[in-house]
Amino acid sequence: MAFTPDTDFPGTGFEQGSVLIVPSADISNPARVAISTTSTKTGTYSLCLHDEAAGAWMRFAVAGSPADYYVSVWCNPSEVFGTDQQMRIYAYLSDTNTVGIRLDANGYWDAFVGASNVSSGTIQTNNDWHHIQLHVIISDTGTIETVIDGISDISYSGDTKSGSVTDIDYIYLFGGEAFHSSHYDDLALGTGGWPGDIRFDVLLPNADTATETWDLSTGSDSYALLDEVPPSDADYIYTGTDAEDTIVALADWTGTDKTPEFATAWVRAWKDEAAGHQVAIIDSDGTNTNVGSFQNLLTSATYIKKLMTTAPDGGAWTDTDADNLQIGVRSNIV
């Protein structure tokens, strides 16, 4: 079967430049979880988890509570290398049990059910970027499989259901404990099959389109208020009118030696009163336009997103589709 990205959180290259891509409750400690520019696999940013006695982590909610799940991520142990069982990737079940892998002191990724090491890795990594894929099936006759830098490693069959449930609620990325840091980049989550080496490129707004009905906090160009990374809330577009659209063009995608798989639109938004106002994300190629479901807003700035597994015309993604992609918003003012 083919890999299908998770509709709740398909993945990220952390190119938003902000930890607020997940709710604050999904971060162990904001002082110990950061977006970093010091060590990256793709683009400008990565996730840095560092220097916390209890171990820093970021978690990502999983859609549909599956029992069968895949993770693809690039990892750099950084300061954690040579420290036993610090860097971890694991599935967190609704009964708080965990199933996943941990990096041991010698650079092997070992399989764990809870605190029990059920299978040891055989491919040794070092203190550099390595691509890790994890497949878990939660069952009395379950599975833990890994692929390290494209090479099959662990293939464990056995009991992965420590309690009474099989549903996965979160995927955790776990960092080093006290005085240690680790980096993650290009995280892809989903079902159906091995993701492979998925990496994320950022496409930022670079021009306005003919569809521009939201107001501007300053200036004359919508895109210029939306293109800051890391995010800036000092300038923005806004509206108090229902069913208004603004759509901006994006920079072209560099597709050399790459195959486009899917796209995710991220929008940072908020409302200035405690009412039921919402926003829908629009994707377009200038001819075909699709409006997503309306999503709730908070009174502080947070991220909403839209997964696009097909191009705006409904076909498989191509380099041309990526080059022509436009992203916008529609208001629902109550």
Protein backbone atom coordinates (compact mmCIF):
# COMPACT_ATOMS: atom_id res chain seq x y z
CA MET A 1 0.00 0.00 0.00
CA ALA A 2 1.03 3.60 -0.55
CA PHE A 3 1.84 5.99 2.24
CA THR A 4 -1.02 8.35 3.13
CA PRO A 5 -0.12 11.46 5.16
CA ASP A 6 -2.02 12.00 8.40
CA THR A 7 -4.88 14.48 8.01
CA ASP A 8 -4.35 15.91 11.51
CA PHE A 9 -0.60 16.39 11.20
CA PRO A 10 0.92 15.20 7.91
CA GLY A 11 4.37 16.41 8.82
CA THR A 12 6.64 19.43 8.82
CA GLY A 13 10.13 20.63 8.06
CA PHE A 14 9.73 23.19 10.88
CA GLU A 15 10.09 25.91 8.23
CA GLN A 16 7.37 27.98 9.94
CA GLY A 17 10.13 28.98 12.34
CA SER A 18 7.81 28.59 15.33
CA VAL A 19 7.05 25.90 17.91
CA LEU A 20 3.43 27.09 17.87
CA ILE A 21 2.67 24.73 14.98
CA VAL A 22 1.47 22.51 17.85
CA PRO A 23 -0.48 23.66 20.93
CA SER A 24 1.57 24.62 23.96
CA ALA A 25 0.18 21.56 25.77
CA ASP A 26 2.05 19.41 23.23
CA ILE A 27 5.46 20.77 24.25
CA SER A 28 7.26 19.59 27.38
CA ASN A 29 8.74 22.96 28.30
CA PRO A 30 8.82 26.05 26.05
CA ALA A 31 12.22 26.96 27.48
CA ARG A 32 13.66 23.62 26.33
CA VAL A 33 11.91 23.17 22.97
CA ALA A 34 13.09 25.51 20.22
CA ILE A 35 13.26 26.02 16.49
CA SER A 36 16.93 26.00 15.54
CA THR A 37 19.05 27.28 12.66
CA THR A 38 22.32 25.79 13.91
CA SER A 39 21.83 22.27 12.51
CA THR A 40 19.32 21.50 9.73
CA LYS A 41 18.79 18.77 7.15
CA THR A 42 16.55 20.71 4.76
CA GLY A 43 15.87 24.41 4.59
CA THR A 44 16.59 26.94 7.32
CA TYR A 45 15.04 25.44 10.44
CA SER A 46 14.92 22.26 12.52
CA LEU A 47 13.50 21.25 15.89
CA CYS A 48 15.93 21.37 18.83
CA LEU A 49 15.09 19.50 22.05
CA HIS A 50 17.58 20.23 24.76
CA ASP A 51 18.82 20.41 28.32
CA GLU A 52 15.96 19.23 30.53
CA ALA A 53 16.33 16.83 33.46
CA ALA A 54 13.11 14.99 32.61
CA GLY A 55 13.79 14.99 28.86
CA ALA A 56 12.37 17.55 26.43
CA TRP A 57 9.72 16.49 23.91
CA MET A 58 7.28 17.67 21.28
CA ARG A 59 4.25 15.57 20.38
CA PHE A 60 1.94 15.47 17.36
CA ALA A 61 -1.72 14.44 17.50
CA VAL A 62 -2.72 11.46 15.34
CA ALA A 63 -5.97 11.33 13.35
CA GLY A 64 -8.44 8.50 13.84
CA SER A 65 -6.66 6.66 16.69
CA PRO A 66 -4.99 4.06 14.41
CA ALA A 67 -3.23 0.92 15.58
CA ASP A 68 -0.96 0.77 12.50
CA TYR A 69 1.25 3.81 11.88
CA TYR A 70 4.40 5.09 10.14
CA VAL A 71 6.95 7.80 10.97
CA SER A 72 9.70 9.25 8.80
CA VAL A 73 12.14 11.79 10.23
CA TRP A 74 15.73 13.00 9.93
CA CYS A 75 17.60 12.94 13.26
CA ASN A 76 20.86 14.41 14.49
CA PRO A 77 21.87 13.32 18.01
CA SER A 78 24.16 16.35 18.39
CA GLU A 79 25.17 16.38 22.07
CA VAL A 80 23.11 13.27 22.88
CA PHE A 81 25.38 10.93 20.93
CA GLY A 82 27.14 8.49 23.24
CA THR A 83 24.44 8.85 25.91
CA ASP A 84 22.28 5.77 26.38
CA GLN A 85 18.59 5.86 25.39
CA GLN A 86 18.11 9.59 25.24
CA MET A 87 16.82 10.38 21.75
CA ARG A 88 13.48 8.58 21.27
CA ILE A 89 10.65 8.30 18.75
CA TYR A 90 7.54 6.61 20.00
CA ALA A 91 3.81 6.10 19.66
CA TYR A 92 1.81 7.14 22.72
CA LEU A 93 -1.40 5.17 23.29
CA SER A 94 -4.61 6.43 24.87
CA ASP A 95 -3.83 4.43 28.04
CA THR A 96 -0.39 6.18 28.29
CA ASN A 97 1.60 3.11 27.19
CA THR A 98 4.35 3.68 24.63
CA VAL A 99 5.86 1.75 21.71
CA GLY A 100 8.84 2.94 19.72
CA ILE A 101 12.60 3.23 19.42
CA ARG A 102 15.48 4.75 21.38
CA LEU A 103 19.03 5.63 20.42
CA ASP A 104 21.54 3.78 22.57
CA ALA A 105 25.02 4.91 23.59
CA ASN A 106 26.65 3.14 20.64
CA GLY A 107 24.46 4.69 17.93
CA TYR A 108 21.95 1.84 17.46
CA TRP A 109 18.19 2.44 17.39
CA ASP A 110 16.58 -0.18 19.65
CA ALA A 111 12.90 -1.16 19.84
CA PHE A 112 11.00 -0.69 23.10
CA VAL A 113 7.58 -1.60 24.42
CA GLY A 114 7.26 0.65 27.43
CA ALA A 115 10.59 0.41 29.26
CA SER A 116 11.39 -3.06 27.86
CA ASN A 117 13.96 -3.43 25.09
CA VAL A 118 12.36 -6.04 22.81
CA SER A 119 14.80 -5.87 19.88
CA SER A 120 18.20 -4.27 19.36
CA GLY A 121 19.18 -2.40 16.22
CA THR A 122 22.05 -3.62 14.05
CA ILE A 123 22.78 -0.52 11.93
CA GLN A 124 25.13 1.83 13.72
CA THR A 125 24.68 5.56 13.21
CA ASN A 126 26.95 8.38 14.30
CA ASN A 127 26.78 11.97 15.47
CA ASP A 128 25.31 13.35 12.23
CA TRP A 129 22.04 13.48 10.29
CA HIS A 130 20.42 10.08 9.67
CA HIS A 131 17.05 9.16 8.21
CA ILE A 132 14.87 7.05 10.50
CA GLN A 133 11.62 5.31 9.55
CA LEU A 134 9.46 3.58 12.13
CA HIS A 135 6.44 1.31 11.67
CA VAL A 136 4.40 0.10 14.61
CA ILE A 137 1.33 -2.12 14.85
CA ILE A 138 -0.24 -2.18 18.30
CA SER A 139 -1.56 -5.68 18.98
CA ASP A 140 -1.05 -8.82 21.05
CA THR A 141 0.73 -10.00 17.90
CA GLY A 142 2.12 -6.62 16.94
CA THR A 143 5.04 -5.20 14.97
CA ILE A 144 7.95 -2.81 15.37
CA GLU A 145 9.98 -2.24 12.21
CA THR A 146 12.69 0.27 11.36
CA VAL A 147 14.50 1.44 8.25
CA ILE A 148 17.74 3.34 8.92
CA ASP A 149 19.13 5.45 6.06
CA GLY A 150 17.10 3.34 3.63
CA ILE A 151 18.31 0.01 5.07
CA SER A 152 15.90 -2.40 6.82
CA ASP A 153 16.95 -2.94 10.42
CA ILE A 154 14.58 -4.09 13.17
CA SER A 155 11.73 -6.46 12.30
CA TYR A 156 10.13 -7.37 15.62
CA SER A 157 6.95 -9.42 15.92
CA GLY A 158 5.36 -9.82 19.34
CA ASP A 159 3.14 -8.25 21.95
CA THR A 160 3.13 -4.46 21.59
CA LYS A 161 -0.10 -3.95 23.53
CA SER A 162 0.88 -3.45 27.15
CA GLY A 163 -2.64 -2.52 28.25
CA SER A 164 -6.13 -2.99 26.88
CA VAL A 165 -6.11 -0.48 24.01
CA THR A 166 -4.50 -0.34 20.57
CA ASP A 167 -5.25 3.26 19.58
CA ILE A 168 -2.36 5.68 19.05
CA ASP A 169 -3.06 9.25 20.18
CA TYR A 170 0.31 10.93 19.62
CA ILE A 171 3.74 10.54 18.09
CA TYR A 172 6.46 11.85 20.41
CA LEU A 173 9.89 13.15 19.47
CA PHE A 174 12.02 12.97 22.59
CA GLY A 175 15.31 14.80 23.18
CA GLY A 176 18.23 14.65 25.51
CA GLU A 177 18.17 14.95 29.25
CA ALA A 178 20.24 17.42 31.29
CA PHE A 179 23.01 19.19 29.34
CA HIS A 180 22.23 17.40 26.07
CA SER A 181 20.55 18.55 22.85
CA SER A 182 19.24 16.79 19.76
CA HIS A 183 17.76 17.89 16.43
CA TYR A 184 14.92 16.63 14.25
CA ASP A 185 13.92 17.72 10.73
CA ASP A 186 11.55 16.70 7.90
CA LEU A 187 8.99 14.80 9.96
CA ALA A 188 6.30 12.89 8.01
CA LEU A 189 3.45 10.98 9.69
CA GLY A 190 0.80 8.68 8.27
CA THR A 191 -0.53 5.27 7.38
CA GLY A 192 -0.62 2.74 4.55
CA GLY A 193 3.06 2.07 3.87
CA TRP A 194 6.62 3.26 4.26
CA PRO A 195 6.90 7.04 3.71
CA GLY A 196 10.41 6.96 2.30
CA ASP A 197 12.71 9.97 2.42
CA ILE A 198 10.18 12.81 2.54
CA ARG A 199 11.58 16.32 2.90
CA PHE A 200 9.78 19.64 3.15
CA ASP A 201 10.47 22.78 1.13
CA VAL A 202 8.94 26.11 2.05
CA LEU A 203 7.06 28.23 -0.49
CA LEU A 204 6.45 31.76 0.79
CA PRO A 205 4.02 34.40 -0.54
CA ASN A 206 5.69 36.60 -3.16
CA ALA A 207 2.87 38.36 -5.05
CA ASP A 208 -0.76 39.40 -4.84
CA THR A 209 -3.49 38.02 -7.12
CA ALA A 210 -6.72 39.44 -8.50
CA THR A 211 -8.55 38.09 -5.44
CA GLU A 212 -7.81 40.54 -2.61
CA THR A 213 -10.75 41.59 -0.42
CA TRP A 214 -9.32 41.50 3.12
CA ASP A 215 -8.02 44.77 4.54
CA LEU A 216 -4.31 45.49 5.12
CA SER A 217 -2.82 46.65 8.39
CA THR A 218 -0.28 48.69 6.45
CA GLY A 219 1.11 49.11 2.94
CA SER A 220 -0.50 48.08 -0.34
CA ASP A 221 0.52 44.42 -0.84
CA SER A 222 -1.15 41.54 0.98
CA TYR A 223 1.73 39.12 0.38
CA ALA A 224 4.21 41.49 2.07
CA LEU A 225 2.22 41.18 5.31
CA LEU A 226 2.27 37.37 5.20
CA ASP A 227 5.79 36.35 4.21
CA GLU A 228 7.74 36.73 7.46
CA VAL A 229 9.63 33.75 8.85
CA PRO A 230 9.86 33.49 11.82
CA PRO A 231 6.30 34.83 12.06
CA SER A 232 5.59 38.46 12.82
CA ASP A 233 2.18 39.60 14.05
CA ALA A 234 3.07 43.27 13.71
CA ASP A 235 1.53 43.38 10.22
CA TYR A 236 -1.35 41.32 8.84
CA ILE A 237 -4.48 41.20 6.72
CA TYR A 238 -7.86 41.37 8.46
CA THR A 239 -11.60 41.54 7.86
CA GLY A 240 -14.82 41.99 9.77
CA THR A 241 -16.93 40.99 6.79
CA ASP A 242 -18.31 37.53 6.11
CA ALA A 243 -17.32 35.48 3.03
CA GLU A 244 -14.38 37.62 1.97
CA ASP A 245 -11.41 36.02 0.17
CA THR A 246 -7.77 36.98 -0.22
CA ILE A 247 -5.43 34.77 -2.28
CA VAL A 248 -1.69 35.27 -2.74
CA ALA A 249 0.82 33.69 -5.10
CA LEU A 250 3.79 31.69 -3.86
CA ALA A 251 7.39 31.45 -4.95
CA ASP A 252 8.22 28.72 -7.48
CA TRP A 253 9.31 25.32 -6.24
CA THR A 254 12.75 23.95 -7.11
CA GLY A 255 11.88 20.40 -8.16
CA THR A 256 15.23 19.18 -9.47
CA ASP A 257 15.79 15.52 -8.48
CA LYS A 258 12.58 15.61 -6.42
CA THR A 259 9.06 14.18 -6.75
CA PRO A 260 6.20 16.20 -5.20
CA GLU A 261 4.03 14.06 -2.91
CA PHE A 262 1.70 16.45 -1.09
CA ALA A 263 1.48 20.03 0.14
CA THR A 264 0.39 21.56 3.43
CA ALA A 265 -0.80 25.14 3.71
CA TRP A 266 -0.15 26.80 7.08
CA VAL A 267 -1.99 29.94 8.17
CA ARG A 268 -1.26 31.89 11.35
CA ALA A 269 -4.49 33.56 12.48
CA TRP A 270 -6.49 34.89 15.41
CA LYS A 271 -9.69 36.78 16.23
CA ASP A 272 -9.96 39.92 18.35
CA GLU A 273 -13.18 39.00 20.17
CA ALA A 274 -14.56 35.89 21.84
CA ALA A 275 -17.04 35.05 19.09
CA GLY A 276 -17.40 32.10 16.75
CA HIS A 277 -15.49 33.60 13.80
CA GLN A 278 -13.71 31.08 11.57
CA VAL A 279 -11.35 30.90 8.60
CA ALA A 280 -11.14 28.45 5.70
CA ILE A 281 -7.93 27.88 3.74
CA ILE A 282 -8.12 28.19 -0.05
CA ASP A 283 -5.84 26.50 -2.59
CA SER A 284 -5.83 27.51 -6.24
CA ASP A 285 -3.81 27.35 -9.44
CA GLY A 286 -5.44 30.46 -10.87
CA THR A 287 -8.10 28.39 -12.65
CA ASN A 288 -9.19 25.71 -10.19
CA THR A 289 -10.02 26.89 -6.67
CA ASN A 290 -10.83 24.76 -3.62
CA VAL A 291 -12.10 26.05 -0.29
CA GLY A 292 -11.38 23.95 2.78
CA SER A 293 -13.52 23.48 5.86
CA PHE A 294 -13.95 26.42 8.20
CA GLN A 295 -11.65 26.16 11.21
CA ASN A 296 -11.99 27.71 14.65
CA LEU A 297 -9.77 30.55 15.81
CA LEU A 298 -8.50 31.58 19.23
CA THR A 299 -8.03 35.13 20.52
CA SER A 300 -4.26 34.61 20.41
CA ALA A 301 -2.26 33.76 17.29
CA THR A 302 -2.17 30.05 16.45
CA TYR A 303 -1.71 27.94 13.32
CA ILE A 304 -4.36 26.26 11.21
CA LYS A 305 -3.46 24.06 8.23
CA LYS A 306 -4.80 22.30 5.16
CA LEU A 307 -3.39 19.07 3.70
CA MET A 308 -3.49 18.84 -0.09
CA THR A 309 -2.77 15.32 -1.36
CA THR A 310 -3.73 16.38 -4.88
CA ALA A 311 -3.06 19.55 -6.88
CA PRO A 312 -5.83 22.15 -7.19
CA ASP A 313 -7.01 20.53 -10.44
CA GLY A 314 -7.51 17.22 -8.62
CA GLY A 315 -4.58 15.43 -10.23
CA ALA A 316 -1.28 14.19 -8.86
CA TRP A 317 1.20 16.90 -7.96
CA THR A 318 3.74 17.98 -10.58
CA ASP A 319 6.50 20.57 -10.56
CA THR A 320 4.24 22.85 -12.60
CA ASP A 321 1.40 22.46 -10.08
CA ALA A 322 3.74 23.45 -7.27
CA ASP A 323 4.96 26.47 -9.24
CA ASN A 324 1.39 27.60 -9.88
CA LEU A 325 0.11 27.08 -6.34
CA GLN A 326 -1.73 29.97 -4.70
CA ILE A 327 -2.96 30.01 -1.10
CA GLY A 328 -5.68 32.12 0.48
CA VAL A 329 -8.26 32.53 3.23
CA ARG A 330 -12.04 32.93 3.41
CA SER A 331 -13.78 34.54 6.37
CA ASN A 332 -16.76 33.23 8.32
CA ILE A 333 -17.89 36.15 10.52
CA VAL A 334 -20.77 35.35 12.87
